[in-house]
C-alpha atoms as a PDB file:
ATOM      1  CA  MET A   1      21.789 -13.616 -11.536  1.00  0.00           C
ATOM      2  CA  PRO A   2      21.928 -17.410 -11.518  1.00  0.00           C
ATOM      3  CA  SER A   3      18.815 -19.377 -10.617  1.00  0.00           C
ATOM      4  CA  MET A   4      18.665 -21.539  -7.527  1.00  0.00           C
ATOM      5  CA  GLY A   5      19.143 -25.270  -8.038  1.00  0.00           C
ATOM      6  CA  GLY A   6      18.004 -28.197  -5.928  1.00  0.00           C
ATOM      7  CA  TRP A   7      20.811 -28.105  -3.379  1.00  0.00           C
ATOM      8  CA  GLU A   8      20.372 -24.410  -2.754  1.00  0.00           C
ATOM      9  CA  TRP A   9      16.697 -24.953  -1.919  1.00  0.00           C
ATOM     10  CA  VAL A  10      17.579 -27.847   0.419  1.00  0.00           C
ATOM     11  CA  ILE A  11      20.160 -25.739   2.248  1.00  0.00           C
ATOM     12  CA  LEU A  12      17.707 -22.840   2.497  1.00  0.00           C
ATOM     13  CA  ALA A  13      15.002 -25.152   3.896  1.00  0.00           C
ATOM     14  CA  LEU A  14      17.413 -26.568   6.499  1.00  0.00           C
ATOM     15  CA  ILE A  15      18.440 -23.081   7.623  1.00  0.00           C
ATOM     16  CA  ALA A  16      14.777 -22.053   7.929  1.00  0.00           C
ATOM     17  CA  LEU A  17      14.058 -25.235   9.901  1.00  0.00           C
ATOM     18  CA  LEU A  18      16.916 -24.506  12.285  1.00  0.00           C
ATOM     19  CA  LEU A  19      15.890 -20.861  12.741  1.00  0.00           C
ATOM     20  CA  PHE A  20      12.143 -21.286  13.202  1.00  0.00           C
ATOM     21  CA  GLY A  21      11.537 -24.914  14.170  1.00  0.00           C
ATOM     22  CA  GLY A  22       9.104 -27.367  12.610  1.00  0.00           C
ATOM     23  CA  SER A  23       5.882 -26.295  14.291  1.00  0.00           C
ATOM     24  CA  ARG A  24       6.480 -22.602  13.660  1.00  0.00           C
ATOM     25  CA  LEU A  25       7.292 -23.247   9.988  1.00  0.00           C
ATOM     26  CA  ALA A  26       4.032 -25.196   9.660  1.00  0.00           C
ATOM     27  CA  GLY A  27       2.101 -22.245  11.111  1.00  0.00           C
ATOM     28  CA  ILE A  28       3.887 -19.803   8.792  1.00  0.00           C
ATOM     29  CA  GLY A  29       3.063 -21.994   5.795  1.00  0.00           C
ATOM     30  CA  LYS A  30      -0.572 -22.314   6.834  1.00  0.00           C
ATOM     31  CA  SER A  31      -1.051 -18.576   7.313  1.00  0.00           C
ATOM     32  CA  THR A  32       0.758 -17.803   4.053  1.00  0.00           C
ATOM     33  CA  GLY A  33      -1.458 -20.245   2.168  1.00  0.00           C
ATOM     34  CA  LYS A  34      -4.571 -18.737   3.711  1.00  0.00           C
ATOM     35  CA  ALA A  35      -3.472 -15.217   2.788  1.00  0.00           C
ATOM     36  CA  ILE A  36      -2.749 -16.223  -0.813  1.00  0.00           C
ATOM     37  CA  ARG A  37      -6.120 -18.001  -1.088  1.00  0.00           C
ATOM     38  CA  GLU A  38      -8.002 -14.946   0.252  1.00  0.00           C
ATOM     39  CA  PHE A  39      -6.089 -12.671  -2.106  1.00  0.00           C
ATOM     40  CA  LYS A  40      -7.017 -14.826  -5.101  1.00  0.00           C
ATOM     41  CA  GLU A  41     -10.677 -14.874  -4.057  1.00  0.00           C
ATOM     42  CA  GLU A  42     -10.787 -11.095  -3.680  1.00  0.00           C
ATOM     43  CA  THR A  43      -9.087 -10.436  -7.013  1.00  0.00           C
ATOM     44  CA  ALA A  44     -11.468 -12.875  -8.716  1.00  0.00           C
ATOM     45  CA  SER A  45     -14.476 -11.118  -7.198  1.00  0.00           C
ATOM     46  CA  LEU A  46     -13.145  -7.722  -8.249  1.00  0.00           C
ATOM     47  CA  ARG A  47     -12.670  -8.924 -11.803  1.00  0.00           C
ATOM     48  CA  SER A  48     -16.158 -10.437 -11.986  1.00  0.00           C
ATOM     49  CA  THR A  49     -18.015  -7.324 -10.789  1.00  0.00           C
ATOM     50  CA  PRO A  50     -18.387  -4.472 -13.258  1.00  0.00           C
ATOM     51  CA  ALA A  51     -16.439  -1.392 -12.432  1.00  0.00           C
ATOM     52  CA  GLU A  52     -18.437   1.565 -11.200  1.00  0.00           C
ATOM     53  CA  PRO A  53     -17.862   4.767 -13.111  1.00  0.00           C
ATOM     54  CA  VAL A  54     -15.749   7.191 -11.194  1.00  0.00           C
ATOM     55  CA  PRO A  55     -17.103  10.743 -11.201  1.00  0.00           C
ATOM     56  CA  PRO A  56     -14.671  13.258 -12.640  1.00  0.00           C
ATOM     57  CA  VAL A  57     -12.720  15.276 -10.169  1.00  0.00           C
ATOM     58  CA  THR A  58     -13.494  18.939 -10.434  1.00  0.00           C
ATOM     59  CA  THR A  59     -11.074  21.466  -9.170  1.00  0.00           C
ATOM     60  CA  THR A  60     -11.843  25.071  -8.558  1.00  0.00           C
ATOM     61  CA  PRO A  61      -9.372  27.624  -9.784  1.00  0.00           C
ATOM     62  CA  PRO A  62      -7.436  29.291  -7.014  1.00  0.00           C
ATOM     63  CA  GLN A  63      -8.987  32.483  -5.765  1.00  0.00           C
ATOM     64  CA  ALA A  64      -7.082  35.653  -6.432  1.00  0.00           C
ATOM     65  CA  ALA A  65      -5.692  37.086  -3.260  1.00  0.00           C
ATOM     66  CA  SER A  66      -7.651  40.112  -2.215  1.00  0.00           C
ATOM     67  CA  PRO A  67      -5.509  43.167  -1.626  1.00  0.00           C
ATOM     68  CA  VAL A  68      -4.963  43.896   2.007  1.00  0.00           C
ATOM     69  CA  ASP A  69      -6.172  47.277   3.128  1.00  0.00           C
ATOM     70  CA  PRO A  70      -3.258  49.263   4.436  1.00  0.00           C
ATOM     71  CA  GLU A  71      -3.475  50.111   8.051  1.00  0.00           C
ATOM     72  CA  PRO A  72      -4.676  53.634   8.716  1.00  0.00           C
ATOM     73  CA  ASN A  73      -1.933  56.079   9.454  1.00  0.00           C
ATOM     74  CA  THR A  74      -2.274  56.672  13.165  1.00  0.00           C
ATOM     75  CA  ASP A  75       0.794  58.914  13.337  1.00  0.00           C
ATOM     76  CA  ALA A  76      -0.784  61.585  11.153  1.00  0.00           C
ATOM     77  CA  LYS A  77      -1.527  64.853  12.849  1.00  0.00           C
ATOM     78  CA  THR A  78      -5.086  65.962  12.544  1.00  0.00           C
END
């Protein structure tokens, strides 16, 4: 897949400007920048704190199905 050159980026920016308008593009850029900054801060804080040990998951073996008592024979003559 070929990489995008300068003219492709210019055309893409003009199309985005026509679709969204200048003020809306500025808001999108601002919120995207804020999200990226918060993501970087959170990943940095996760890397700086030591990881807590995770307790091992214990599973219980499945219980054997208990045999079902057959229903008493009610048709039997007594």
